[in-house]
Amino acid sequence: MKIIKDTKNELEIEITGESHTLCNALRKTLMEDKDVESAAYIMEHPIIGEPKLYVKAKNPRKSLKKAAETIKKRCDELKKEISTPPKKTTKKTKAKSKSKSKK
């Protein structure tokens, strides 16, 4: 990661080795923050370009950290959800659900 611009209300960073996936998730999550005025990213070349993320906020570093933590939390929740085995249904449960669907 390379910091391009770092002022009180603006932060621009180059995120080496990343793509639209991370940058778009960060941009979307940043825009959920009421303290963020704008968030955007650009990739100057679609194959070899390194994305540059721009944040304008009351405290852009704090907002970026919060967005990263939110994304991590959401990923952890998804990981937990898909790692939990599905609940097994019994014949009794299946019979109840069939009778409810016929009504």
C-alpha atoms as a PDB file:
ATOM      1  CA  MET A   1       0.000   0.000   0.000  1.00  0.00           C
ATOM      2  CA  LYS A   2       1.244   3.457  -0.874  1.00  0.00           C
ATOM      3  CA  ILE A   3      -0.152   6.724   0.490  1.00  0.00           C
ATOM      4  CA  ILE A   4      -0.528   9.285  -2.282  1.00  0.00           C
ATOM      5  CA  LYS A   5      -2.349  12.052  -0.412  1.00  0.00           C
ATOM      6  CA  ASP A   6      -3.002  12.397   3.305  1.00  0.00           C
ATOM      7  CA  THR A   7      -4.625  15.563   4.628  1.00  0.00           C
ATOM      8  CA  LYS A   8      -7.073  16.276   7.436  1.00  0.00           C
ATOM      9  CA  ASN A   9     -10.124  15.487   5.299  1.00  0.00           C
ATOM     10  CA  GLU A  10      -8.735  13.567   2.325  1.00  0.00           C
ATOM     11  CA  LEU A  11      -6.891  10.311   1.871  1.00  0.00           C
ATOM     12  CA  GLU A  12      -5.734   8.750  -1.376  1.00  0.00           C
ATOM     13  CA  ILE A  13      -3.954   5.420  -1.366  1.00  0.00           C
ATOM     14  CA  GLU A  14      -2.713   2.949  -3.947  1.00  0.00           C
ATOM     15  CA  ILE A  15      -3.607  -0.587  -2.959  1.00  0.00           C
ATOM     16  CA  THR A  16      -0.974  -2.835  -4.502  1.00  0.00           C
ATOM     17  CA  GLY A  17      -2.057  -6.273  -5.654  1.00  0.00           C
ATOM     18  CA  GLU A  18      -5.793  -5.716  -5.256  1.00  0.00           C
ATOM     19  CA  SER A  19      -8.632  -5.467  -7.736  1.00  0.00           C
ATOM     20  CA  HIS A  20     -12.169  -4.176  -8.112  1.00  0.00           C
ATOM     21  CA  THR A  21     -13.376  -6.725  -5.569  1.00  0.00           C
ATOM     22  CA  LEU A  22     -11.777  -5.173  -2.491  1.00  0.00           C
ATOM     23  CA  CYS A  23     -11.953  -1.573  -3.720  1.00  0.00           C
ATOM     24  CA  ASN A  24     -15.650  -1.718  -4.533  1.00  0.00           C
ATOM     25  CA  ALA A  25     -16.413  -3.331  -1.157  1.00  0.00           C
ATOM     26  CA  LEU A  26     -14.426  -0.596   0.602  1.00  0.00           C
ATOM     27  CA  ARG A  27     -16.098   2.166  -1.425  1.00  0.00           C
ATOM     28  CA  LYS A  28     -19.588   0.828  -0.742  1.00  0.00           C
ATOM     29  CA  THR A  29     -18.912   0.356   2.984  1.00  0.00           C
ATOM     30  CA  LEU A  30     -17.301   3.785   3.284  1.00  0.00           C
ATOM     31  CA  MET A  31     -20.425   5.379   1.802  1.00  0.00           C
ATOM     32  CA  GLU A  32     -22.490   3.807   4.605  1.00  0.00           C
ATOM     33  CA  ASP A  33     -20.554   6.008   7.065  1.00  0.00           C
ATOM     34  CA  LYS A  34     -22.290   9.332   7.769  1.00  0.00           C
ATOM     35  CA  ASP A  35     -18.888  11.010   8.252  1.00  0.00           C
ATOM     36  CA  VAL A  36     -17.804  10.177   4.684  1.00  0.00           C
ATOM     37  CA  GLU A  37     -18.553  12.829   2.077  1.00  0.00           C
ATOM     38  CA  SER A  38     -17.232  10.805  -0.868  1.00  0.00           C
ATOM     39  CA  ALA A  39     -15.378   7.605  -1.634  1.00  0.00           C
ATOM     40  CA  ALA A  40     -14.214   6.395  -5.027  1.00  0.00           C
ATOM     41  CA  TYR A  41     -11.518   4.354  -6.680  1.00  0.00           C
ATOM     42  CA  ILE A  42      -9.888   4.215 -10.079  1.00  0.00           C
ATOM     43  CA  MET A  43      -7.836   1.656 -11.961  1.00  0.00           C
ATOM     44  CA  GLU A  44      -5.944   3.355 -14.751  1.00  0.00           C
ATOM     45  CA  HIS A  45      -5.397   0.067 -16.611  1.00  0.00           C
ATOM     46  CA  PRO A  46      -7.842  -2.853 -16.332  1.00  0.00           C
ATOM     47  CA  ILE A  47      -5.163  -5.571 -16.320  1.00  0.00           C
ATOM     48  CA  ILE A  48      -1.945  -4.126 -14.918  1.00  0.00           C
ATOM     49  CA  GLY A  49      -3.199  -1.043 -13.091  1.00  0.00           C
ATOM     50  CA  GLU A  50      -3.032  -0.692  -9.339  1.00  0.00           C
ATOM     51  CA  PRO A  51      -6.249   0.672  -7.816  1.00  0.00           C
ATOM     52  CA  LYS A  52      -6.225   4.067  -6.159  1.00  0.00           C
ATOM     53  CA  LEU A  53      -8.822   4.662  -3.449  1.00  0.00           C
ATOM     54  CA  TYR A  54      -9.913   8.208  -2.574  1.00  0.00           C
ATOM     55  CA  VAL A  55     -11.781   9.108   0.628  1.00  0.00           C
ATOM     56  CA  LYS A  56     -13.072  12.513   1.688  1.00  0.00           C
ATOM     57  CA  ALA A  57     -14.372  12.529   5.264  1.00  0.00           C
ATOM     58  CA  LYS A  58     -14.161  14.171   8.669  1.00  0.00           C
ATOM     59  CA  ASN A  59     -11.394  11.686   9.491  1.00  0.00           C
ATOM     60  CA  PRO A  60     -10.628   9.570   6.407  1.00  0.00           C
ATOM     61  CA  ARG A  61      -8.145   7.239   8.121  1.00  0.00           C
ATOM     62  CA  LYS A  62     -10.641   6.452  10.879  1.00  0.00           C
ATOM     63  CA  SER A  63     -13.422   5.897   8.331  1.00  0.00           C
ATOM     64  CA  LEU A  64     -11.234   3.606   6.214  1.00  0.00           C
ATOM     65  CA  LYS A  65     -10.260   1.555   9.269  1.00  0.00           C
ATOM     66  CA  LYS A  66     -13.917   1.294  10.295  1.00  0.00           C
ATOM     67  CA  ALA A  67     -14.894   0.176   6.767  1.00  0.00           C
ATOM     68  CA  ALA A  68     -12.164  -2.487   6.724  1.00  0.00           C
ATOM     69  CA  GLU A  69     -13.310  -3.796  10.121  1.00  0.00           C
ATOM     70  CA  THR A  70     -16.932  -3.891   8.919  1.00  0.00           C
ATOM     71  CA  ILE A  71     -15.972  -5.890   5.822  1.00  0.00           C
ATOM     72  CA  LYS A  72     -13.952  -8.323   7.948  1.00  0.00           C
ATOM     73  CA  LYS A  73     -16.895  -8.762  10.322  1.00  0.00           C
ATOM     74  CA  ARG A  74     -19.266  -9.430   7.419  1.00  0.00           C
ATOM     75  CA  CYS A  75     -16.847 -11.972   5.934  1.00  0.00           C
ATOM     76  CA  ASP A  76     -16.489 -13.703   9.322  1.00  0.00           C
ATOM     77  CA  GLU A  77     -20.297 -13.896   9.610  1.00  0.00           C
ATOM     78  CA  LEU A  78     -20.548 -15.398   6.121  1.00  0.00           C
ATOM     79  CA  LYS A  79     -17.772 -17.882   6.865  1.00  0.00           C
ATOM     80  CA  LYS A  80     -19.548 -18.947  10.066  1.00  0.00           C
ATOM     81  CA  GLU A  81     -22.879 -19.260   8.262  1.00  0.00           C
ATOM     82  CA  ILE A  82     -21.527 -21.490   5.498  1.00  0.00           C
ATOM     83  CA  SER A  83     -19.441 -23.549   7.939  1.00  0.00           C
ATOM     84  CA  THR A  84     -22.451 -24.457  10.086  1.00  0.00           C
ATOM     85  CA  PRO A  85     -23.982 -27.745   8.935  1.00  0.00           C
ATOM     86  CA  PRO A  86     -27.611 -27.478   7.892  1.00  0.00           C
ATOM     87  CA  LYS A  87     -30.232 -28.575  10.380  1.00  0.00           C
ATOM     88  CA  LYS A  88     -31.398 -32.095   9.723  1.00  0.00           C
ATOM     89  CA  THR A  89     -35.076 -32.526   9.192  1.00  0.00           C
ATOM     90  CA  THR A  90     -36.975 -35.465  10.605  1.00  0.00           C
ATOM     91  CA  LYS A  91     -39.919 -37.244   9.034  1.00  0.00           C
ATOM     92  CA  LYS A  92     -42.172 -35.484  11.532  1.00  0.00           C
ATOM     93  CA  THR A  93     -40.800 -32.043  10.532  1.00  0.00           C
ATOM     94  CA  LYS A  94     -41.224 -32.866   6.813  1.00  0.00           C
ATOM     95  CA  ALA A  95     -44.822 -34.005   7.386  1.00  0.00           C
ATOM     96  CA  LYS A  96     -45.652 -30.760   9.208  1.00  0.00           C
ATOM     97  CA  SER A  97     -44.199 -28.586   6.461  1.00  0.00           C
ATOM     98  CA  LYS A  98     -46.100 -30.560   3.769  1.00  0.00           C
ATOM     99  CA  SER A  99     -49.399 -30.173   5.617  1.00  0.00           C
ATOM    100  CA  LYS A 100     -48.813 -26.419   6.013  1.00  0.00           C
ATOM    101  CA  SER A 101     -48.082 -25.988   2.302  1.00  0.00           C
ATOM    102  CA  LYS A 102     -51.342 -27.760   1.333  1.00  0.00           C
ATOM    103  CA  LYS A 103     -53.465 -25.257   3.320  1.00  0.00           C
END
